Protein backbone atom coordinates (compact mmCIF):
# COMPACT_ATOMS: atom_id res chain seq x y z
CA MET A 1 102.32 79.42 52.89
CA LYS A 2 102.46 80.95 49.45
CA ARG A 3 105.41 83.25 48.90
CA ASP A 4 103.30 86.27 47.83
CA LYS A 5 101.15 86.01 50.96
CA GLN A 6 104.26 85.76 53.11
CA ARG A 7 105.68 88.93 51.49
CA ARG A 8 102.41 90.83 52.07
CA LEU A 9 102.40 89.84 55.74
CA GLU A 10 106.04 90.80 56.19
CA ARG A 11 105.45 94.20 54.51
CA ALA A 12 102.57 94.73 56.94
CA GLY A 13 104.98 94.20 59.84
CA TRP A 14 104.25 90.57 60.65
CA ARG A 15 107.04 88.13 61.34
CA VAL A 16 106.53 84.95 59.36
CA SER A 17 108.18 81.78 60.63
CA ASN A 18 107.55 78.09 61.11
CA THR A 19 106.59 75.86 64.00
CA ALA A 20 110.17 74.84 64.75
CA ALA A 21 111.31 78.44 65.03
CA PHE A 22 108.26 79.39 67.12
CA LEU A 23 108.93 76.55 69.56
CA GLY A 24 112.68 77.07 69.51
CA LEU A 25 113.41 73.55 68.28
CA THR A 26 116.86 72.56 67.20
CA ALA A 27 117.34 70.91 63.81
CA THR A 28 117.83 67.59 65.60
CA GLU A 29 114.59 67.96 67.56
CA GLN A 30 112.70 68.83 64.37
CA ARG A 31 114.13 65.80 62.55
CA PHE A 32 113.13 63.54 65.44
CA ILE A 33 109.58 64.91 65.37
CA ASP A 34 109.43 64.40 61.60
CA LEU A 35 110.60 60.81 62.10
CA LYS A 36 107.93 60.10 64.72
CA LEU A 37 105.22 61.64 62.54
CA ALA A 38 106.30 59.52 59.57
CA LEU A 39 106.36 56.32 61.64
CA ALA A 40 102.92 57.11 63.06
CA ALA A 41 101.45 57.79 59.63
CA GLY A 42 103.05 54.65 58.23
CA LEU A 43 101.59 52.52 61.00
CA ARG A 44 98.13 53.94 60.48
CA GLN A 45 98.30 53.30 56.74
CA LEU A 46 99.43 49.70 57.25
CA ARG A 47 96.80 49.09 59.94
CA GLU A 48 94.03 50.44 57.73
CA ARG A 49 95.32 48.54 54.68
CA GLN A 50 95.02 45.33 56.69
CA GLY A 51 91.51 46.24 57.81
CA LEU A 52 92.45 46.39 61.48
CA THR A 53 90.80 48.71 63.95
CA GLN A 54 92.82 50.45 66.63
CA ALA A 55 91.20 48.11 69.15
CA ALA A 56 92.19 45.01 67.16
CA LEU A 57 95.78 46.20 66.85
CA ALA A 58 95.84 47.02 70.56
CA LYS A 59 94.67 43.50 71.42
CA HIS A 60 97.34 42.03 69.13
CA LEU A 61 100.02 44.13 70.85
CA GLY A 62 98.69 43.61 74.38
CA SER A 63 97.95 47.30 74.68
CA SER A 64 94.91 49.57 74.74
CA GLN A 65 93.01 51.34 71.97
CA SER A 66 93.81 54.71 73.53
CA ARG A 67 97.53 53.86 73.44
CA ILE A 68 97.25 53.03 69.73
CA ALA A 69 95.47 56.36 69.16
CA LYS A 70 98.37 58.11 70.92
CA LEU A 71 100.83 56.10 68.85
CA GLU A 72 99.13 57.15 65.60
CA ALA A 73 99.16 60.76 66.77
CA ALA A 74 102.92 60.52 67.48
CA ASP A 75 102.27 61.51 71.08
CA ALA A 76 105.39 62.38 73.06
CA SER A 77 104.62 59.59 75.55
CA VAL A 78 105.01 56.93 72.83
CA SER A 79 108.53 55.64 72.26
CA VAL A 80 110.07 55.08 68.85
CA ASP A 81 110.75 51.54 70.04
CA PHE A 82 107.01 50.91 70.47
CA MET A 83 106.34 52.46 67.07
CA ILE A 84 108.85 50.15 65.37
CA ARG A 85 107.57 47.08 67.25
CA SER A 86 104.02 47.99 66.20
CA LEU A 87 105.07 48.34 62.57
CA ILE A 88 106.74 44.94 62.67
CA SER A 89 103.63 43.41 64.25
CA VAL A 90 101.48 44.58 61.31
CA GLY A 91 103.90 43.02 58.87
CA ALA A 92 106.30 45.81 57.99
CA GLY A 93 109.74 44.55 57.14
CA PRO A 94 113.03 46.43 57.24
CA ALA A 95 112.57 47.74 53.67
CA GLU A 96 109.12 49.15 54.43
CA ILE A 97 110.28 50.72 57.70
CA ALA A 98 113.25 52.25 55.85
CA LYS A 99 110.86 53.63 53.23
CA ILE A 100 108.80 55.28 55.98
CA ILE A 101 111.95 56.77 57.50
CA ARG A 102 113.02 58.08 54.08
CA THR A 103 109.62 59.79 53.87
CA ALA A 104 110.55 61.77 56.99
CA ALA A 105 113.90 62.74 55.45
CA ALA A 106 112.22 63.75 52.18
CA HIS A 107 109.69 65.86 54.08
CA LYS A 108 112.56 67.72 55.75
CA ALA A 109 114.24 68.37 52.40
CA ALA A 110 111.06 69.81 50.88
């Protein structure tokens, strides 16, 4: 939100916050969510770059298309382990996975 809009809302009596504060997340919980979102986005980008559909990736992983959709949405039911294994299966190496993780850290710093 732009700073001037935030000031106008606060002067009008509104309390302006962020999602983490609204949900009462700790800094650790927020960082974990940022990590999962970055891994999910990274997987989707790699999958699309390789021209794979969610169904094709699911078949390759022995999973279902709906599970891949949940994975790419960073659904709470999807483990980080499955996200990493999926990234590896589409050809991501340690350096690329580390780059994705750094994206999550950079997002937090912004």
